[in-house]
Amino acid sequence: MNEVQRHTGGMQVSRRAGRQLQSISDSTLVRIADVAAEADVQTARVAAVTSVGAAAMQSVSLVAQLAQSAELMCPNAASEINLIRSAVAMSASQIVMETTNRTR
């Protein structure tokens, strides 16, 4: 049962019982709305981390390709190029982790 069914009667219900049933029904609807709102927040958090992670992976891939090309053009600079490639990858990773922490 996904929806709260309102008590419509059929038998005589005291006013007090009717108010209690209505209160339970109202409380249930509020709790369901709270859960739905929390689900929306969690979905947005996942989307944010996914978006930042995807952008980071794309950037790191581009830098890796550029580094490979640069190494072919200038083999003597390979260690410096790898240092820069690693720094970019570490920075991108750090940004992804910061995003994850901010969304908690």
PDB file of N, CA and C in Angstrom:
ATOM      1  N   MET A   1       0.849  -1.167   0.000  1.00  0.00           N
ATOM      2  CA  MET A   1       0.000   0.000   0.000  1.00  0.00           C
ATOM      3  C   MET A   1       0.895   1.231   0.000  1.00  0.00           C
ATOM      4  N   ASN A   2       0.924   1.962  -1.092  1.00  0.00           N
ATOM      5  CA  ASN A   2       1.778   3.131  -1.212  1.00  0.00           C
ATOM      6  C   ASN A   2       1.090   4.410  -0.784  1.00  0.00           C
ATOM      7  N   GLU A   3      -0.194   4.395  -0.718  1.00  0.00           N
ATOM      8  CA  GLU A   3      -0.924   5.610  -0.409  1.00  0.00           C
ATOM      9  C   GLU A   3      -1.758   5.384   0.841  1.00  0.00           C
ATOM     10  N   VAL A   4      -1.821   6.394   1.671  1.00  0.00           N
ATOM     11  CA  VAL A   4      -2.612   6.291   2.886  1.00  0.00           C
ATOM     12  C   VAL A   4      -4.083   6.379   2.504  1.00  0.00           C
ATOM     13  N   GLN A   5      -4.840   5.407   2.938  1.00  0.00           N
ATOM     14  CA  GLN A   5      -6.271   5.391   2.659  1.00  0.00           C
ATOM     15  C   GLN A   5      -6.996   6.144   3.769  1.00  0.00           C
ATOM     16  N   ARG A   6      -7.800   7.094   3.395  1.00  0.00           N
ATOM     17  CA  ARG A   6      -8.580   7.832   4.385  1.00  0.00           C
ATOM     18  C   ARG A   6      -9.741   6.960   4.861  1.00  0.00           C
ATOM     19  N   HIS A   7      -9.996   7.049   6.137  1.00  0.00           N
ATOM     20  CA  HIS A   7     -11.097   6.286   6.715  1.00  0.00           C
ATOM     21  C   HIS A   7     -12.409   6.951   6.314  1.00  0.00           C
ATOM     22  N   THR A   8     -13.237   6.220   5.612  1.00  0.00           N
ATOM     23  CA  THR A   8     -14.494   6.803   5.140  1.00  0.00           C
ATOM     24  C   THR A   8     -15.700   6.326   5.930  1.00  0.00           C
ATOM     25  N   GLY A   9     -15.486   5.436   6.808  1.00  0.00           N
ATOM     26  CA  GLY A   9     -16.596   5.030   7.666  1.00  0.00           C
ATOM     27  C   GLY A   9     -17.160   3.688   7.289  1.00  0.00           C
ATOM     28  N   GLY A  10     -18.446   3.614   7.305  1.00  0.00           N
ATOM     29  CA  GLY A  10     -19.102   2.336   7.125  1.00  0.00           C
ATOM     30  C   GLY A  10     -19.716   1.943   8.451  1.00  0.00           C
ATOM     31  N   MET A  11     -19.036   2.275   9.509  1.00  0.00           N
ATOM     32  CA  MET A  11     -19.571   2.087  10.852  1.00  0.00           C
ATOM     33  C   MET A  11     -19.397   3.406  11.584  1.00  0.00           C
ATOM     34  N   GLN A  12     -20.179   3.578  12.582  1.00  0.00           N
ATOM     35  CA  GLN A  12     -20.128   4.828  13.341  1.00  0.00           C
ATOM     36  C   GLN A  12     -18.791   4.920  14.074  1.00  0.00           C
ATOM     37  N   VAL A  13     -18.054   6.017  13.838  1.00  0.00           N
ATOM     38  CA  VAL A  13     -16.767   6.225  14.485  1.00  0.00           C
ATOM     39  C   VAL A  13     -16.890   7.463  15.361  1.00  0.00           C
ATOM     40  N   SER A  14     -16.368   7.359  16.554  1.00  0.00           N
ATOM     41  CA  SER A  14     -16.444   8.512  17.440  1.00  0.00           C
ATOM     42  C   SER A  14     -15.599   9.647  16.887  1.00  0.00           C
ATOM     43  N   ARG A  15     -15.913  10.847  17.289  1.00  0.00           N
ATOM     44  CA  ARG A  15     -15.140  12.001  16.830  1.00  0.00           C
ATOM     45  C   ARG A  15     -13.681  11.871  17.224  1.00  0.00           C
ATOM     46  N   ARG A  16     -13.456  11.410  18.423  1.00  0.00           N
ATOM     47  CA  ARG A  16     -12.083  11.263  18.905  1.00  0.00           C
ATOM     48  C   ARG A  16     -11.313  10.264  18.044  1.00  0.00           C
ATOM     49  N   ALA A  17     -11.923   9.140  17.758  1.00  0.00           N
ATOM     50  CA  ALA A  17     -11.268   8.131  16.918  1.00  0.00           C
ATOM     51  C   ALA A  17     -11.033   8.688  15.515  1.00  0.00           C
ATOM     52  N   GLY A  18     -12.001   9.422  15.006  1.00  0.00           N
ATOM     53  CA  GLY A  18     -11.851  10.029  13.680  1.00  0.00           C
ATOM     54  C   GLY A  18     -10.691  11.006  13.640  1.00  0.00           C
ATOM     55  N   ARG A  19     -10.564  11.829  14.686  1.00  0.00           N
ATOM     56  CA  ARG A  19      -9.447  12.782  14.753  1.00  0.00           C
ATOM     57  C   ARG A  19      -8.115  12.047  14.851  1.00  0.00           C
ATOM     58  N   GLN A  20      -8.083  10.981  15.632  1.00  0.00           N
ATOM     59  CA  GLN A  20      -6.844  10.208  15.765  1.00  0.00           C
ATOM     60  C   GLN A  20      -6.456   9.573  14.431  1.00  0.00           C
ATOM     61  N   LEU A  21      -7.445   9.020  13.743  1.00  0.00           N
ATOM     62  CA  LEU A  21      -7.162   8.419  12.441  1.00  0.00           C
ATOM     63  C   LEU A  21      -6.680   9.478  11.446  1.00  0.00           C
ATOM     64  N   GLN A  22      -7.294  10.645  11.477  1.00  0.00           N
ATOM     65  CA  GLN A  22      -6.872  11.724  10.582  1.00  0.00           C
ATOM     66  C   GLN A  22      -5.459  12.186  10.922  1.00  0.00           C
ATOM     67  N   SER A  23      -5.147  12.253  12.201  1.00  0.00           N
ATOM     68  CA  SER A  23      -3.811  12.645  12.639  1.00  0.00           C
ATOM     69  C   SER A  23      -2.768  11.638  12.165  1.00  0.00           C
ATOM     70  N   ILE A  24      -3.082  10.365  12.282  1.00  0.00           N
ATOM     71  CA  ILE A  24      -2.169   9.315  11.810  1.00  0.00           C
ATOM     72  C   ILE A  24      -1.973   9.443  10.303  1.00  0.00           C
ATOM     73  N   SER A  25      -3.062   9.652   9.595  1.00  0.00           N
ATOM     74  CA  SER A  25      -2.995   9.801   8.141  1.00  0.00           C
ATOM     75  C   SER A  25      -2.145  11.008   7.753  1.00  0.00           C
ATOM     76  N   ASP A  26      -2.369  12.135   8.411  1.00  0.00           N
ATOM     77  CA  ASP A  26      -1.596  13.347   8.121  1.00  0.00           C
ATOM     78  C   ASP A  26      -0.118  13.145   8.438  1.00  0.00           C
ATOM     79  N   SER A  27       0.151  12.521   9.570  1.00  0.00           N
ATOM     80  CA  SER A  27       1.536  12.266   9.973  1.00  0.00           C
ATOM     81  C   SER A  27       2.239  11.364   8.963  1.00  0.00           C
ATOM     82  N   THR A  28       1.529  10.367   8.487  1.00  0.00           N
ATOM     83  CA  THR A  28       2.099   9.450   7.497  1.00  0.00           C
ATOM     84  C   THR A  28       2.422  10.184   6.202  1.00  0.00           C
ATOM     85  N   LEU A  29       1.522  11.041   5.763  1.00  0.00           N
ATOM     86  CA  LEU A  29       1.762  11.806   4.537  1.00  0.00           C
ATOM     87  C   LEU A  29       2.982  12.716   4.671  1.00  0.00           C
ATOM     88  N   VAL A  30       3.148  13.325   5.828  1.00  0.00           N
ATOM     89  CA  VAL A  30       4.309  14.192   6.064  1.00  0.00           C
ATOM     90  C   VAL A  30       5.593  13.370   6.050  1.00  0.00           C
ATOM     91  N   ARG A  31       5.572  12.212   6.682  1.00  0.00           N
ATOM     92  CA  ARG A  31       6.762  11.356   6.698  1.00  0.00           C
ATOM     93  C   ARG A  31       7.126  10.890   5.294  1.00  0.00           C
ATOM     94  N   ILE A  32       6.116  10.543   4.499  1.00  0.00           N
ATOM     95  CA  ILE A  32       6.366  10.118   3.113  1.00  0.00           C
ATOM     96  C   ILE A  32       6.973  11.265   2.315  1.00  0.00           C
ATOM     97  N   ALA A  33       6.466  12.472   2.510  1.00  0.00           N
ATOM     98  CA  ALA A  33       7.016  13.641   1.814  1.00  0.00           C
ATOM     99  C   ALA A  33       8.461  13.893   2.241  1.00  0.00           C
ATOM    100  N   ASP A  34       8.765  13.704   3.526  1.00  0.00           N
ATOM    101  CA  ASP A  34      10.141  13.866   4.010  1.00  0.00           C
ATOM    102  C   ASP A  34      11.083  12.870   3.342  1.00  0.00           C
ATOM    103  N   VAL A  35      10.640  11.627   3.235  1.00  0.00           N
ATOM    104  CA  VAL A  35      11.466  10.591   2.602  1.00  0.00           C
ATOM    105  C   VAL A  35      11.690  10.923   1.128  1.00  0.00           C
ATOM    106  N   ALA A  36      10.648  11.362   0.445  1.00  0.00           N
ATOM    107  CA  ALA A  36      10.778  11.713  -0.974  1.00  0.00           C
ATOM    108  C   ALA A  36      11.734  12.894  -1.157  1.00  0.00           C
ATOM    109  N   ALA A  37      11.640  13.880  -0.280  1.00  0.00           N
ATOM    110  CA  ALA A  37      12.539  15.036  -0.367  1.00  0.00           C
ATOM    111  C   ALA A  37      13.983  14.619  -0.113  1.00  0.00           C
ATOM    112  N   GLU A  38      14.202  13.748   0.854  1.00  0.00           N
ATOM    113  CA  GLU A  38      15.557  13.269   1.139  1.00  0.00           C
ATOM    114  C   GLU A  38      16.108  12.481  -0.045  1.00  0.00           C
ATOM    115  N   ALA A  39      15.264  11.705  -0.700  1.00  0.00           N
ATOM    116  CA  ALA A  39      15.696  10.961  -1.891  1.00  0.00           C
ATOM    117  C   ALA A  39      16.137  11.926  -2.990  1.00  0.00           C
ATOM    118  N   ASP A  40      15.414  13.029  -3.152  1.00  0.00           N
ATOM    119  CA  ASP A  40      15.801  14.036  -4.146  1.00  0.00           C
ATOM    120  C   ASP A  40      17.162  14.643  -3.814  1.00  0.00           C
ATOM    121  N   VAL A  41      17.397  14.920  -2.545  1.00  0.00           N
ATOM    122  CA  VAL A  41      18.682  15.485  -2.119  1.00  0.00           C
ATOM    123  C   VAL A  41      19.811  14.493  -2.389  1.00  0.00           C
ATOM    124  N   GLN A  42      19.603  13.237  -2.039  1.00  0.00           N
ATOM    125  CA  GLN A  42      20.643  12.226  -2.249  1.00  0.00           C
ATOM    126  C   GLN A  42      20.940  12.048  -3.739  1.00  0.00           C
ATOM    127  N   THR A  43      19.906  12.088  -4.557  1.00  0.00           N
ATOM    128  CA  THR A  43      20.095  11.972  -6.007  1.00  0.00           C
ATOM    129  C   THR A  43      20.914  13.140  -6.540  1.00  0.00           C
ATOM    130  N   ALA A  44      20.648  14.333  -6.051  1.00  0.00           N
ATOM    131  CA  ALA A  44      21.420  15.510  -6.474  1.00  0.00           C
ATOM    132  C   ALA A  44      22.876  15.391  -6.037  1.00  0.00           C
ATOM    133  N   ARG A  45      23.106  14.841  -4.848  1.00  0.00           N
ATOM    134  CA  ARG A  45      24.479  14.661  -4.372  1.00  0.00           C
ATOM    135  C   ARG A  45      25.245  13.697  -5.269  1.00  0.00           C
ATOM    136  N   VAL A  46      24.605  12.590  -5.615  1.00  0.00           N
ATOM    137  CA  VAL A  46      25.244  11.609  -6.499  1.00  0.00           C
ATOM    138  C   VAL A  46      25.533  12.237  -7.864  1.00  0.00           C
ATOM    139  N   ALA A  47      24.581  12.998  -8.383  1.00  0.00           N
ATOM    140  CA  ALA A  47      24.763  13.641  -9.689  1.00  0.00           C
ATOM    141  C   ALA A  47      25.933  14.626  -9.659  1.00  0.00           C
ATOM    142  N   ALA A  48      26.075  15.362  -8.569  1.00  0.00           N
ATOM    143  CA  ALA A  48      27.171  16.330  -8.457  1.00  0.00           C
ATOM    144  C   ALA A  48      28.526  15.629  -8.460  1.00  0.00           C
ATOM    145  N   VAL A  49      28.654  14.593  -7.662  1.00  0.00           N
ATOM    146  CA  VAL A  49      29.926  13.870  -7.591  1.00  0.00           C
ATOM    147  C   VAL A  49      30.222  13.188  -8.925  1.00  0.00           C
ATOM    148  N   THR A  50      29.199  12.629  -9.550  1.00  0.00           N
ATOM    149  CA  THR A  50      29.380  11.973 -10.847  1.00  0.00           C
ATOM    150  C   THR A  50      29.844  12.964 -11.905  1.00  0.00           C
ATOM    151  N   SER A  51      29.232  14.124 -11.925  1.00  0.00           N
ATOM    152  CA  SER A  51      29.592  15.144 -12.909  1.00  0.00           C
ATOM    153  C   SER A  51      31.037  15.603 -12.733  1.00  0.00           C
ATOM    154  N   VAL A  52      31.414  15.882 -11.502  1.00  0.00           N
ATOM    155  CA  VAL A  52      32.784  16.329 -11.236  1.00  0.00           C
ATOM    156  C   VAL A  52      33.777  15.207 -11.532  1.00  0.00           C
ATOM    157  N   GLY A  53      33.434  13.989 -11.160  1.00  0.00           N
ATOM    158  CA  GLY A  53      34.312  12.850 -11.431  1.00  0.00           C
ATOM    159  C   GLY A  53      34.507  12.619 -12.920  1.00  0.00           C
ATOM    160  N   ALA A  54      33.429  12.724 -13.683  1.00  0.00           N
ATOM    161  CA  ALA A  54      33.528  12.536 -15.136  1.00  0.00           C
ATOM    162  C   ALA A  54      34.391  13.626 -15.768  1.00  0.00           C
ATOM    163  N   ALA A  55      34.209  14.861 -15.326  1.00  0.00           N
ATOM    164  CA  ALA A  55      35.029  15.961 -15.853  1.00  0.00           C
ATOM    165  C   ALA A  55      36.498  15.757 -15.501  1.00  0.00           C
ATOM    166  N   ALA A  56      36.754  15.284 -14.297  1.00  0.00           N
ATOM    167  CA  ALA A  56      38.138  15.034 -13.880  1.00  0.00           C
ATOM    168  C   ALA A  56      38.774  13.936 -14.731  1.00  0.00           C
ATOM    169  N   MET A  57      38.032  12.859 -14.960  1.00  0.00           N
ATOM    170  CA  MET A  57      38.573  11.771 -15.782  1.00  0.00           C
ATOM    171  C   MET A  57      38.856  12.237 -17.206  1.00  0.00           C
ATOM    172  N   GLN A  58      37.962  13.040 -17.741  1.00  0.00           N
ATOM    173  CA  GLN A  58      38.162  13.558 -19.094  1.00  0.00           C
ATOM    174  C   GLN A  58      39.408  14.446 -19.145  1.00  0.00           C
ATOM    175  N   SER A  59      39.569  15.296 -18.166  1.00  0.00           N
ATOM    176  CA  SER A  59      40.733  16.183 -18.131  1.00  0.00           C
ATOM    177  C   SER A  59      42.032  15.406 -17.959  1.00  0.00           C
ATOM    178  N   VAL A  60      42.024  14.435 -17.079  1.00  0.00           N
ATOM    179  CA  VAL A  60      43.226  13.626 -16.853  1.00  0.00           C
ATOM    180  C   VAL A  60      43.578  12.841 -18.118  1.00  0.00           C
ATOM    181  N   SER A  61      42.569  12.335 -18.806  1.00  0.00           N
ATOM    182  CA  SER A  61      42.820  11.610 -20.060  1.00  0.00           C
ATOM    183  C   SER A  61      43.446  12.522 -21.107  1.00  0.00           C
ATOM    184  N   LEU A  62      42.930  13.735 -21.208  1.00  0.00           N
ATOM    185  CA  LEU A  62      43.481  14.697 -22.166  1.00  0.00           C
ATOM    186  C   LEU A  62      44.933  15.020 -21.834  1.00  0.00           C
ATOM    187  N   VAL A  63      45.209  15.256 -20.566  1.00  0.00           N
ATOM    188  CA  VAL A  63      46.580  15.567 -20.150  1.00  0.00           C
ATOM    189  C   VAL A  63      47.501  14.379 -20.422  1.00  0.00           C
ATOM    190  N   ALA A  64      47.018  13.166 -20.207  1.00  0.00           N
ATOM    191  CA  ALA A  64      47.833  11.978 -20.472  1.00  0.00           C
ATOM    192  C   ALA A  64      48.176  11.874 -21.959  1.00  0.00           C
ATOM    193  N   GLN A  65      47.192  12.161 -22.806  1.00  0.00           N
ATOM    194  CA  GLN A  65      47.455  12.135 -24.252  1.00  0.00           C
ATOM    195  C   GLN A  65      48.462  13.212 -24.649  1.00  0.00           C
ATOM    196  N   LEU A  66      48.284  14.403 -24.102  1.00  0.00           N
ATOM    197  CA  LEU A  66      49.223  15.490 -24.401  1.00  0.00           C
ATOM    198  C   LEU A  66      50.626  15.159 -23.900  1.00  0.00           C
ATOM    199  N   ALA A  67      50.698  14.550 -22.738  1.00  0.00           N
ATOM    200  CA  ALA A  67      51.999  14.178 -22.179  1.00  0.00           C
ATOM    201  C   ALA A  67      52.691  13.146 -23.064  1.00  0.00           C
ATOM    202  N   GLN A  68      51.918  12.200 -23.549  1.00  0.00           N
ATOM    203  CA  GLN A  68      52.494  11.175 -24.419  1.00  0.00           C
ATOM    204  C   GLN A  68      53.048  11.810 -25.700  1.00  0.00           C
ATOM    205  N   SER A  69      52.303  12.735 -26.271  1.00  0.00           N
ATOM    206  CA  SER A  69      52.774  13.428 -27.478  1.00  0.00           C
ATOM    207  C   SER A  69      54.015  14.261 -27.183  1.00  0.00           C
ATOM    208  N   ALA A  70      54.001  14.942 -26.052  1.00  0.00           N
ATOM    209  CA  ALA A  70      55.144  15.785 -25.692  1.00  0.00           C
ATOM    210  C   ALA A  70      56.396  14.942 -25.455  1.00  0.00           C
ATOM    211  N   GLU A  71      56.227  13.771 -24.867  1.00  0.00           N
ATOM    212  CA  GLU A  71      57.374  12.883 -24.638  1.00  0.00           C
ATOM    213  C   GLU A  71      57.986  12.419 -25.953  1.00  0.00           C
ATOM    214  N   LEU A  72      57.140  12.185 -26.954  1.00  0.00           N
ATOM    215  CA  LEU A  72      57.655  11.772 -28.261  1.00  0.00           C
ATOM    216  C   LEU A  72      58.439  12.901 -28.925  1.00  0.00           C
ATOM    217  N   MET A  73      57.976  14.137 -28.719  1.00  0.00           N
ATOM    218  CA  MET A  73      58.661  15.284 -29.318  1.00  0.00           C
ATOM    219  C   MET A  73      59.953  15.618 -28.581  1.00  0.00           C
ATOM    220  N   CYS A  74      59.955  15.383 -27.278  1.00  0.00           N
ATOM    221  CA  CYS A  74      61.129  15.748 -26.487  1.00  0.00           C
ATOM    222  C   CYS A  74      61.370  14.688 -25.410  1.00  0.00           C
ATOM    223  N   PRO A  75      62.002  13.582 -25.777  1.00  0.00           N
ATOM    224  CA  PRO A  75      62.223  12.488 -24.826  1.00  0.00           C
ATOM    225  C   PRO A  75      63.037  12.899 -23.599  1.00  0.00           C
ATOM    226  N   ASN A  76      63.881  13.896 -23.753  1.00  0.00           N
ATOM    227  CA  ASN A  76      64.706  14.330 -22.619  1.00  0.00           C
ATOM    228  C   ASN A  76      63.880  14.963 -21.499  1.00  0.00           C
ATOM    229  N   ALA A  77      62.668  15.401 -21.810  1.00  0.00           N
ATOM    230  CA  ALA A  77      61.816  16.053 -20.810  1.00  0.00           C
ATOM    231  C   ALA A  77      60.776  15.091 -20.232  1.00  0.00           C
ATOM    232  N   ALA A  78      60.956  13.808 -20.465  1.00  0.00           N
ATOM    233  CA  ALA A  78      59.951  12.819 -20.049  1.00  0.00           C
ATOM    234  C   ALA A  78      59.670  12.864 -18.550  1.00  0.00           C
ATOM    235  N   SER A  79      60.694  12.970 -17.737  1.00  0.00           N
ATOM    236  CA  SER A  79      60.456  12.960 -16.286  1.00  0.00           C
ATOM    237  C   SER A  79      59.681  14.202 -15.842  1.00  0.00           C
ATOM    238  N   GLU A  80      59.987  15.351 -16.423  1.00  0.00           N
ATOM    239  CA  GLU A  80      59.261  16.579 -16.075  1.00  0.00           C
ATOM    240  C   GLU A  80      57.811  16.511 -16.558  1.00  0.00           C
ATOM    241  N   ILE A  81      57.629  15.964 -17.746  1.00  0.00           N
ATOM    242  CA  ILE A  81      56.277  15.814 -18.293  1.00  0.00           C
ATOM    243  C   ILE A  81      55.456  14.876 -17.408  1.00  0.00           C
ATOM    244  N   ASN A  82      56.061  13.777 -16.988  1.00  0.00           N
ATOM    245  CA  ASN A  82      55.360  12.837 -16.101  1.00  0.00           C
ATOM    246  C   ASN A  82      55.035  13.469 -14.754  1.00  0.00           C
ATOM    247  N   LEU A  83      55.914  14.328 -14.279  1.00  0.00           N
ATOM    248  CA  LEU A  83      55.660  15.029 -13.020  1.00  0.00           C
ATOM    249  C   LEU A  83      54.421  15.918 -13.152  1.00  0.00           C
ATOM    250  N   ILE A  84      54.346  16.645 -14.253  1.00  0.00           N
ATOM    251  CA  ILE A  84      53.185  17.518 -14.493  1.00  0.00           C
ATOM    252  C   ILE A  84      51.916  16.680 -14.654  1.00  0.00           C
ATOM    253  N   ARG A  85      52.017  15.587 -15.404  1.00  0.00           N
ATOM    254  CA  ARG A  85      50.861  14.707 -15.594  1.00  0.00           C
ATOM    255  C   ARG A  85      50.368  14.188 -14.243  1.00  0.00           C
ATOM    256  N   SER A  86      51.282  13.772 -13.400  1.00  0.00           N
ATOM    257  CA  SER A  86      50.900  13.268 -12.075  1.00  0.00           C
ATOM    258  C   SER A  86      50.287  14.367 -11.209  1.00  0.00           C
ATOM    259  N   ALA A  87      50.843  15.571 -11.300  1.00  0.00           N
ATOM    260  CA  ALA A  87      50.305  16.689 -10.512  1.00  0.00           C
ATOM    261  C   ALA A  87      48.875  17.012 -10.930  1.00  0.00           C
ATOM    262  N   VAL A  88      48.626  16.992 -12.227  1.00  0.00           N
ATOM    263  CA  VAL A  88      47.268  17.255 -12.717  1.00  0.00           C
ATOM    264  C   VAL A  88      46.315  16.166 -12.233  1.00  0.00           C
ATOM    265  N   ALA A  89      46.742  14.918 -12.331  1.00  0.00           N
ATOM    266  CA  ALA A  89      45.892  13.809 -11.888  1.00  0.00           C
ATOM    267  C   ALA A  89      45.605  13.898 -10.391  1.00  0.00           C
ATOM    268  N   MET A  90      46.608  14.227  -9.609  1.00  0.00           N
ATOM    269  CA  MET A  90      46.412  14.350  -8.161  1.00  0.00           C
ATOM    270  C   MET A  90      45.486  15.518  -7.827  1.00  0.00           C
ATOM    271  N   SER A  91      45.654  16.629  -8.522  1.00  0.00           N
ATOM    272  CA  SER A  91      44.787  17.791  -8.280  1.00  0.00           C
ATOM    273  C   SER A  91      43.342  17.484  -8.642  1.00  0.00           C
ATOM    274  N   ALA A  92      43.151  16.822  -9.767  1.00  0.00           N
ATOM    275  CA  ALA A  92      41.792  16.456 -10.178  1.00  0.00           C
ATOM    276  C   ALA A  92      41.168  15.499  -9.168  1.00  0.00           C
ATOM    277  N   SER A  93      41.958  14.558  -8.705  1.00  0.00           N
ATOM    278  CA  SER A  93      41.474  13.609  -7.703  1.00  0.00           C
ATOM    279  C   SER A  93      41.092  14.324  -6.409  1.00  0.00           C
ATOM    280  N   GLN A  94      41.902  15.290  -6.028  1.00  0.00           N
ATOM    281  CA  GLN A  94      41.619  16.057  -4.814  1.00  0.00           C
ATOM    282  C   GLN A  94      40.312  16.843  -4.955  1.00  0.00           C
ATOM    283  N   ILE A  95      40.074  17.409  -6.120  1.00  0.00           N
ATOM    284  CA  ILE A  95      38.837  18.161  -6.351  1.00  0.00           C
ATOM    285  C   ILE A  95      37.625  17.235  -6.271  1.00  0.00           C
ATOM    286  N   VAL A  96      37.748  16.037  -6.816  1.00  0.00           N
ATOM    287  CA  VAL A  96      36.650  15.070  -6.722  1.00  0.00           C
ATOM    288  C   VAL A  96      36.380  14.735  -5.256  1.00  0.00           C
ATOM    289  N   MET A  97      37.427  14.525  -4.488  1.00  0.00           N
ATOM    290  CA  MET A  97      37.248  14.213  -3.064  1.00  0.00           C
ATOM    291  C   MET A  97      36.640  15.395  -2.305  1.00  0.00           C
ATOM    292  N   GLU A  98      37.057  16.609  -2.632  1.00  0.00           N
ATOM    293  CA  GLU A  98      36.473  17.791  -1.989  1.00  0.00           C
ATOM    294  C   GLU A  98      34.983  17.894  -2.304  1.00  0.00           C
ATOM    295  N   THR A  99      34.632  17.597  -3.540  1.00  0.00           N
ATOM    296  CA  THR A  99      33.214  17.620  -3.922  1.00  0.00           C
ATOM    297  C   THR A  99      32.437  16.581  -3.129  1.00  0.00           C
ATOM    298  N   THR A 100      33.018  15.411  -3.001  1.00  0.00           N
ATOM    299  CA  THR A 100      32.369  14.352  -2.223  1.00  0.00           C
ATOM    300  C   THR A 100      32.168  14.801  -0.779  1.00  0.00           C
ATOM    301  N   ASN A 101      33.184  15.408  -0.203  1.00  0.00           N
ATOM    302  CA  ASN A 101      33.077  15.867   1.189  1.00  0.00           C
ATOM    303  C   ASN A 101      32.066  16.995   1.341  1.00  0.00           C
ATOM    304  N   ARG A 102      31.997  17.889   0.369  1.00  0.00           N
ATOM    305  CA  ARG A 102      31.048  19.010   0.454  1.00  0.00           C
ATOM    306  C   ARG A 102      29.603  18.557   0.342  1.00  0.00           C
ATOM    307  N   THR A 103      29.379  17.452  -0.323  1.00  0.00           N
ATOM    308  CA  THR A 103      28.001  16.998  -0.506  1.00  0.00           C
ATOM    309  C   THR A 103      27.509  16.138   0.650  1.00  0.00           C
ATOM    310  N   ARG A 104      28.327  15.937   1.634  1.00  0.00           N
ATOM    311  CA  ARG A 104      27.893  15.127   2.790  1.00  0.00           C
ATOM    312  C   ARG A 104      27.046  15.929   3.722  1.00  0.00           C
TER     313      ARG A 104
END
